Each structure stands twice: as C-alpha cells, then as structure tokens.
Amino acid sequence: MLTPFFATYPELETERFRMRPPRLEDAAELAAIYEHPEVARYLLYGTTGGEPKMREKLTRDLESAGRGEGFRWVLRARVGDVPLGTVGLFNWSSRDRRAEVGYVLGMPLWGQGVMKELMPTVLHFGFARMGLHRIEARLDPRNVASLRVLVRAGFQQEGILRDNNVGPEGFTDTALLSLLEGEWAGRK
C-alpha cells in the first residue's frame, strides 16, 4: 500500500502535459535541468550535485511518497517521455491537512504558460483528492515569475523569512505564501 489514502502513485494530466511518478532512469535528464545556472539560481536548496545526487533525490522522493508525505511528479509532454521538470505536493501533514507545492521547469518551458496550465490540476488534486486545507509555497522572493504564478493561482504572501537559507552566494530570504481550501473553492 502506497499511503493510507493512495494505493498507487497517482498520475495527473492537462491539455499539453502529463505528470507521472519519478523513475531512477530520469536522473540524467533531471540533473541537467536542475544544474542549469539560470534554473539553479532560485532553488532554495542549491543544485542537486549531478546525476548521482539526483538519483538519490529521486529515491528519497519515492520513499517519501511511500510514507504518505506527498508526491513529486516528473513533468513530460503528453507525447513522449522526456522529463521537462518536476512538480510536487510534499511535506504533507495529513493531521494538519497541509502540504507544500513546488516546481522546477527546464528553461525551454519558461514563459510558455506551463505553470498557469498545471497549477489548477495540482491544486485540485491537493484540495479535492488529498483533502488538504492549506497549501504553502516557499521561494526566493527574487523569483518574480514564480511569485506571479502563485499570486495568479490565488496564493497570498504571508511574509518573508529573512536570511533563512544559505546557498552558494550566501544567505537568502524565503517568501512564504499560502492558499486555503475555502479560497480555492471560491475561485473555481
């Protein structure tokens, strides 16, 4: 049994994309996405450390799903199976009915409305299928494009965690945003 709520790792899809469970074979393609300097610039945890570290991350993601702590999907086009990025609902607390949303897209997808398309599907899964009451997002506040995606999806900024994250360039701030179940339902 995968989790108390899910017998199998769910797959999601939109008009142009599918989100499927990660596989260890995805490590090389995902590492190339995460390691790109423009993509890595706003990752709160820095780069993955190449293919071996990405393989470890994918293993942890699968184990986390098995423990019922959330899902991280590999994003791909509806046709083909080349990884284009990742999207996830993780740090799931079933008791508190909350999780965190996060995503990393390869640069060719930037500015193409991908997260605008994916976010309603991910939020519907979180609120309607996982039974969440609150979905949080944490990101580097300099990532204006991602902030815009979240605000358009209905998230509200709650505050800035000052110098709470250290990366290659030193300490950085983290913006905390959230969307509540009632707010999401009111937007539908």
C-alpha atoms as a PDB file:
ATOM      1  CA  MET A   1       0.000   0.000   0.000  1.00  0.00           C
ATOM      2  CA  LEU A   2       1.427   3.357  -1.014  1.00  0.00           C
ATOM      3  CA  THR A   3      -0.181   5.603   1.603  1.00  0.00           C
ATOM      4  CA  PRO A   4      -3.228   5.479   3.836  1.00  0.00           C
ATOM      5  CA  PHE A   5      -5.051   7.406   1.085  1.00  0.00           C
ATOM      6  CA  PHE A   6      -3.489   6.230  -2.164  1.00  0.00           C
ATOM      7  CA  ALA A   7      -2.950   2.635  -3.221  1.00  0.00           C
ATOM      8  CA  THR A   8      -0.942   3.710  -6.266  1.00  0.00           C
ATOM      9  CA  TYR A   9       1.194   6.709  -7.183  1.00  0.00           C
ATOM     10  CA  PRO A  10      -1.313   8.962  -8.973  1.00  0.00           C
ATOM     11  CA  GLU A  11      -0.685  10.408 -12.401  1.00  0.00           C
ATOM     12  CA  LEU A  12      -2.055  13.782 -13.466  1.00  0.00           C
ATOM     13  CA  GLU A  13      -2.554  15.351 -16.875  1.00  0.00           C
ATOM     14  CA  THR A  14      -3.500  18.606 -18.518  1.00  0.00           C
ATOM     15  CA  GLU A  15      -4.126  19.547 -22.118  1.00  0.00           C
ATOM     16  CA  ARG A  16      -0.416  19.596 -23.025  1.00  0.00           C
ATOM     17  CA  PHE A  17       1.321  17.707 -20.199  1.00  0.00           C
ATOM     18  CA  ARG A  18       1.400  14.591 -18.049  1.00  0.00           C
ATOM     19  CA  MET A  19       2.798  14.274 -14.561  1.00  0.00           C
ATOM     20  CA  ARG A  20       3.982  10.771 -13.751  1.00  0.00           C
ATOM     21  CA  PRO A  21       5.872   9.136 -10.875  1.00  0.00           C
ATOM     22  CA  PRO A  22       9.632   9.610 -10.951  1.00  0.00           C
ATOM     23  CA  ARG A  23      11.938   6.815 -12.077  1.00  0.00           C
ATOM     24  CA  LEU A  24      15.635   6.444 -11.355  1.00  0.00           C
ATOM     25  CA  GLU A  25      16.215   6.485 -15.115  1.00  0.00           C
ATOM     26  CA  ASP A  26      15.112  10.149 -15.091  1.00  0.00           C
ATOM     27  CA  ALA A  27      18.215  11.174 -13.125  1.00  0.00           C
ATOM     28  CA  ALA A  28      20.413  12.332 -16.006  1.00  0.00           C
ATOM     29  CA  GLU A  29      17.743  14.456 -17.719  1.00  0.00           C
ATOM     30  CA  LEU A  30      16.534  15.997 -14.462  1.00  0.00           C
ATOM     31  CA  ALA A  31      20.068  16.698 -13.262  1.00  0.00           C
ATOM     32  CA  ALA A  32      20.728  18.596 -16.492  1.00  0.00           C
ATOM     33  CA  ILE A  33      17.617  20.741 -15.829  1.00  0.00           C
ATOM     34  CA  TYR A  34      18.390  21.386 -12.148  1.00  0.00           C
ATOM     35  CA  GLU A  35      22.075  22.110 -12.804  1.00  0.00           C
ATOM     36  CA  HIS A  36      21.466  24.796 -15.416  1.00  0.00           C
ATOM     37  CA  PRO A  37      22.693  28.067 -13.822  1.00  0.00           C
ATOM     38  CA  GLU A  38      19.506  30.003 -14.622  1.00  0.00           C
ATOM     39  CA  VAL A  39      17.303  27.253 -13.160  1.00  0.00           C
ATOM     40  CA  ALA A  40      19.523  26.704 -10.118  1.00  0.00           C
ATOM     41  CA  ARG A  41      19.703  30.420  -9.340  1.00  0.00           C
ATOM     42  CA  TYR A  42      16.420  30.379  -7.378  1.00  0.00           C
ATOM     43  CA  LEU A  43      16.485  26.859  -5.954  1.00  0.00           C
ATOM     44  CA  LEU A  44      16.377  27.263  -2.175  1.00  0.00           C
ATOM     45  CA  TYR A  45      18.489  24.149  -1.715  1.00  0.00           C
ATOM     46  CA  GLY A  46      21.025  24.825  -4.470  1.00  0.00           C
ATOM     47  CA  THR A  47      21.890  22.449  -7.282  1.00  0.00           C
ATOM     48  CA  THR A  48      21.404  18.709  -6.994  1.00  0.00           C
ATOM     49  CA  GLY A  49      25.046  17.712  -7.416  1.00  0.00           C
ATOM     50  CA  GLY A  50      24.730  15.935 -10.736  1.00  0.00           C
ATOM     51  CA  GLU A  51      23.245  12.627 -11.791  1.00  0.00           C
ATOM     52  CA  PRO A  52      24.304  10.532  -8.738  1.00  0.00           C
ATOM     53  CA  LYS A  53      22.789  13.062  -6.316  1.00  0.00           C
ATOM     54  CA  MET A  54      19.659  13.364  -8.466  1.00  0.00           C
ATOM     55  CA  ARG A  55      19.289   9.576  -8.340  1.00  0.00           C
ATOM     56  CA  GLU A  56      19.460   9.833  -4.528  1.00  0.00           C
ATOM     57  CA  LYS A  57      16.862  12.621  -4.577  1.00  0.00           C
ATOM     58  CA  LEU A  58      14.514  10.551  -6.742  1.00  0.00           C
ATOM     59  CA  THR A  59      14.924   7.611  -4.356  1.00  0.00           C
ATOM     60  CA  ARG A  60      14.052   9.885  -1.412  1.00  0.00           C
ATOM     61  CA  ASP A  61      11.039  11.248  -3.306  1.00  0.00           C
ATOM     62  CA  LEU A  62       9.720   7.737  -3.950  1.00  0.00           C
ATOM     63  CA  GLU A  63      10.322   6.729  -0.333  1.00  0.00           C
ATOM     64  CA  SER A  64       8.569   9.896   0.849  1.00  0.00           C
ATOM     65  CA  ALA A  65       5.516   9.045  -1.272  1.00  0.00           C
ATOM     66  CA  GLY A  66       5.548   5.532   0.191  1.00  0.00           C
ATOM     67  CA  ARG A  67       5.416   7.024   3.695  1.00  0.00           C
ATOM     68  CA  GLY A  68       2.478   9.234   2.722  1.00  0.00           C
ATOM     69  CA  GLU A  69       4.430  12.502   2.847  1.00  0.00           C
ATOM     70  CA  GLY A  70       3.465  13.749  -0.623  1.00  0.00           C
ATOM     71  CA  PHE A  71       4.117  13.312  -4.303  1.00  0.00           C
ATOM     72  CA  ARG A  72       6.724  14.709  -6.687  1.00  0.00           C
ATOM     73  CA  TRP A  73       5.890  14.106 -10.297  1.00  0.00           C
ATOM     74  CA  VAL A  74       8.075  14.206 -13.377  1.00  0.00           C
ATOM     75  CA  LEU A  75       6.614  16.574 -15.933  1.00  0.00           C
ATOM     76  CA  ARG A  76       6.562  15.467 -19.545  1.00  0.00           C
ATOM     77  CA  ALA A  77       4.706  16.326 -22.728  1.00  0.00           C
ATOM     78  CA  ARG A  78       1.562  14.306 -23.481  1.00  0.00           C
ATOM     79  CA  VAL A  79       3.505  12.663 -26.311  1.00  0.00           C
ATOM     80  CA  GLY A  80       6.931  11.270 -25.427  1.00  0.00           C
ATOM     81  CA  ASP A  81       8.511  10.593 -22.077  1.00  0.00           C
ATOM     82  CA  VAL A  82      11.387  13.083 -21.862  1.00  0.00           C
ATOM     83  CA  PRO A  83      11.457  14.766 -18.411  1.00  0.00           C
ATOM     84  CA  LEU A  84      10.791  18.511 -18.681  1.00  0.00           C
ATOM     85  CA  GLY A  85      10.869  19.288 -14.960  1.00  0.00           C
ATOM     86  CA  THR A  86       9.203  18.325 -11.701  1.00  0.00           C
ATOM     87  CA  VAL A  87       6.058  19.354  -9.852  1.00  0.00           C
ATOM     88  CA  GLY A  88       5.192  18.288  -6.340  1.00  0.00           C
ATOM     89  CA  LEU A  89       2.982  18.404  -3.292  1.00  0.00           C
ATOM     90  CA  PHE A  90       5.303  17.438  -0.446  1.00  0.00           C
ATOM     91  CA  ASN A  91       5.863  17.841   3.290  1.00  0.00           C
ATOM     92  CA  TRP A  92       2.302  16.566   3.653  1.00  0.00           C
ATOM     93  CA  SER A  93       0.828  16.612   7.133  1.00  0.00           C
ATOM     94  CA  SER A  94      -2.400  14.602   6.984  1.00  0.00           C
ATOM     95  CA  ARG A  95      -3.162  15.602  10.586  1.00  0.00           C
ATOM     96  CA  ASP A  96      -2.859  19.330   9.815  1.00  0.00           C
ATOM     97  CA  ARG A  97      -4.218  18.863   6.266  1.00  0.00           C
ATOM     98  CA  ARG A  98      -1.434  20.896   4.671  1.00  0.00           C
ATOM     99  CA  ALA A  99       1.343  20.389   2.131  1.00  0.00           C
ATOM    100  CA  GLU A 100       3.847  22.451   0.186  1.00  0.00           C
ATOM    101  CA  VAL A 101       3.776  22.931  -3.583  1.00  0.00           C
ATOM    102  CA  GLY A 102       6.961  23.250  -5.593  1.00  0.00           C
ATOM    103  CA  TYR A 103       8.094  23.016  -9.190  1.00  0.00           C
ATOM    104  CA  VAL A 104      11.208  23.185 -11.346  1.00  0.00           C
ATOM    105  CA  LEU A 105      10.886  23.678 -15.091  1.00  0.00           C
ATOM    106  CA  GLY A 106      13.520  23.369 -17.774  1.00  0.00           C
ATOM    107  CA  MET A 107      14.338  26.725 -19.393  1.00  0.00           C
ATOM    108  CA  PRO A 108      12.705  25.903 -22.767  1.00  0.00           C
ATOM    109  CA  LEU A 109       9.348  25.923 -20.928  1.00  0.00           C
ATOM    110  CA  TRP A 110       9.817  29.318 -19.304  1.00  0.00           C
ATOM    111  CA  GLY A 111       7.322  31.932 -20.459  1.00  0.00           C
ATOM    112  CA  GLN A 112       5.108  29.306 -22.129  1.00  0.00           C
ATOM    113  CA  GLY A 113       2.268  29.368 -19.573  1.00  0.00           C
ATOM    114  CA  VAL A 114       3.181  25.905 -18.290  1.00  0.00           C
ATOM    115  CA  MET A 115       2.600  26.536 -14.585  1.00  0.00           C
ATOM    116  CA  LYS A 116      -0.553  28.506 -15.358  1.00  0.00           C
ATOM    117  CA  GLU A 117      -1.808  25.325 -17.041  1.00  0.00           C
ATOM    118  CA  LEU A 118      -0.522  22.881 -14.408  1.00  0.00           C
ATOM    119  CA  MET A 119      -1.408  24.741 -11.218  1.00  0.00           C
ATOM    120  CA  PRO A 120      -5.214  24.214 -11.365  1.00  0.00           C
ATOM    121  CA  THR A 121      -4.709  20.458 -11.780  1.00  0.00           C
ATOM    122  CA  VAL A 122      -2.180  20.252  -8.947  1.00  0.00           C
ATOM    123  CA  LEU A 123      -4.346  22.377  -6.638  1.00  0.00           C
ATOM    124  CA  HIS A 124      -7.441  20.315  -7.447  1.00  0.00           C
ATOM    125  CA  PHE A 125      -5.522  17.153  -6.596  1.00  0.00           C
ATOM    126  CA  GLY A 126      -4.298  18.667  -3.329  1.00  0.00           C
ATOM    127  CA  PHE A 127      -7.609  20.028  -2.122  1.00  0.00           C
ATOM    128  CA  ALA A 128     -10.090  17.560  -3.636  1.00  0.00           C
ATOM    129  CA  ARG A 129      -8.139  14.277  -3.556  1.00  0.00           C
ATOM    130  CA  MET A 130      -5.640  14.723  -0.709  1.00  0.00           C
ATOM    131  CA  GLY A 131      -8.155  16.615   1.397  1.00  0.00           C
ATOM    132  CA  LEU A 132      -5.794  19.483   2.138  1.00  0.00           C
ATOM    133  CA  HIS A 133      -6.946  22.597   3.950  1.00  0.00           C
ATOM    134  CA  ARG A 134      -3.788  24.635   3.221  1.00  0.00           C
ATOM    135  CA  ILE A 135      -1.151  24.565   0.505  1.00  0.00           C
ATOM    136  CA  GLU A 136       2.056  26.517   1.106  1.00  0.00           C
ATOM    137  CA  ALA A 137       4.762  27.697  -1.255  1.00  0.00           C
ATOM    138  CA  ARG A 138       8.280  28.782  -0.302  1.00  0.00           C
ATOM    139  CA  LEU A 139      10.511  30.504  -2.808  1.00  0.00           C
ATOM    140  CA  ASP A 140      13.237  33.034  -3.308  1.00  0.00           C
ATOM    141  CA  PRO A 141      11.404  36.389  -3.424  1.00  0.00           C
ATOM    142  CA  ARG A 142      13.645  37.495  -6.311  1.00  0.00           C
ATOM    143  CA  ASN A 143      11.915  34.831  -8.445  1.00  0.00           C
ATOM    144  CA  VAL A 144       9.314  37.282  -9.731  1.00  0.00           C
ATOM    145  CA  ALA A 145       7.938  34.929 -12.406  1.00  0.00           C
ATOM    146  CA  SER A 146       7.180  32.215  -9.856  1.00  0.00           C
ATOM    147  CA  LEU A 147       5.651  34.732  -7.439  1.00  0.00           C
ATOM    148  CA  ARG A 148       3.389  35.886 -10.265  1.00  0.00           C
ATOM    149  CA  VAL A 149       2.289  32.290 -10.998  1.00  0.00           C
ATOM    150  CA  LEU A 150       1.375  31.711  -7.366  1.00  0.00           C
ATOM    151  CA  VAL A 151      -0.469  35.005  -6.893  1.00  0.00           C
ATOM    152  CA  ARG A 152      -2.479  34.412 -10.086  1.00  0.00           C
ATOM    153  CA  ALA A 153      -3.412  30.989  -8.697  1.00  0.00           C
ATOM    154  CA  GLY A 154      -4.786  32.684  -5.582  1.00  0.00           C
ATOM    155  CA  PHE A 155      -1.887  32.363  -3.148  1.00  0.00           C
ATOM    156  CA  GLN A 156      -1.351  35.165  -0.656  1.00  0.00           C
ATOM    157  CA  GLN A 157       2.050  36.173   0.618  1.00  0.00           C
ATOM    158  CA  GLU A 158       2.291  35.731   4.382  1.00  0.00           C
ATOM    159  CA  GLY A 159       5.764  37.057   4.906  1.00  0.00           C
ATOM    160  CA  ILE A 160       9.477  36.899   4.300  1.00  0.00           C
ATOM    161  CA  LEU A 161      11.787  34.605   6.245  1.00  0.00           C
ATOM    162  CA  ARG A 162      14.913  36.743   6.379  1.00  0.00           C
ATOM    163  CA  ASP A 163      18.316  35.155   5.648  1.00  0.00           C
ATOM    164  CA  ASN A 164      16.952  31.713   6.492  1.00  0.00           C
ATOM    165  CA  ASN A 165      18.587  29.815   3.664  1.00  0.00           C
ATOM    166  CA  VAL A 166      22.245  29.547   2.716  1.00  0.00           C
ATOM    167  CA  GLY A 167      23.405  28.864  -0.806  1.00  0.00           C
ATOM    168  CA  PRO A 168      26.476  29.374  -2.973  1.00  0.00           C
ATOM    169  CA  GLU A 169      26.005  33.167  -2.887  1.00  0.00           C
ATOM    170  CA  GLY A 170      25.454  33.326   0.882  1.00  0.00           C
ATOM    171  CA  PHE A 171      22.255  33.759   2.869  1.00  0.00           C
ATOM    172  CA  THR A 172      18.979  34.494   1.071  1.00  0.00           C
ATOM    173  CA  ASP A 173      15.426  35.273   2.090  1.00  0.00           C
ATOM    174  CA  THR A 174      12.468  32.980   1.547  1.00  0.00           C
ATOM    175  CA  ALA A 175       8.951  34.186   0.713  1.00  0.00           C
ATOM    176  CA  LEU A 176       6.115  32.198   2.304  1.00  0.00           C
ATOM    177  CA  LEU A 177       2.772  32.087   0.500  1.00  0.00           C
ATOM    178  CA  SER A 178      -0.364  30.057   1.114  1.00  0.00           C
ATOM    179  CA  LEU A 179      -3.730  29.176  -0.362  1.00  0.00           C
ATOM    180  CA  LEU A 180      -6.571  27.915   1.823  1.00  0.00           C
ATOM    181  CA  GLU A 181      -9.200  25.390   0.793  1.00  0.00           C
ATOM    182  CA  GLY A 182     -12.062  27.909   1.047  1.00  0.00           C
ATOM    183  CA  GLU A 183     -10.184  30.472  -1.045  1.00  0.00           C
ATOM    184  CA  TRP A 184      -9.515  27.839  -3.716  1.00  0.00           C
ATOM    185  CA  ALA A 185     -13.138  26.680  -3.721  1.00  0.00           C
ATOM    186  CA  GLY A 186     -14.311  30.291  -4.048  1.00  0.00           C
ATOM    187  CA  ARG A 187     -12.193  30.790  -7.195  1.00  0.00           C
ATOM    188  CA  LYS A 188     -13.488  27.725  -9.033  1.00  0.00           C
END
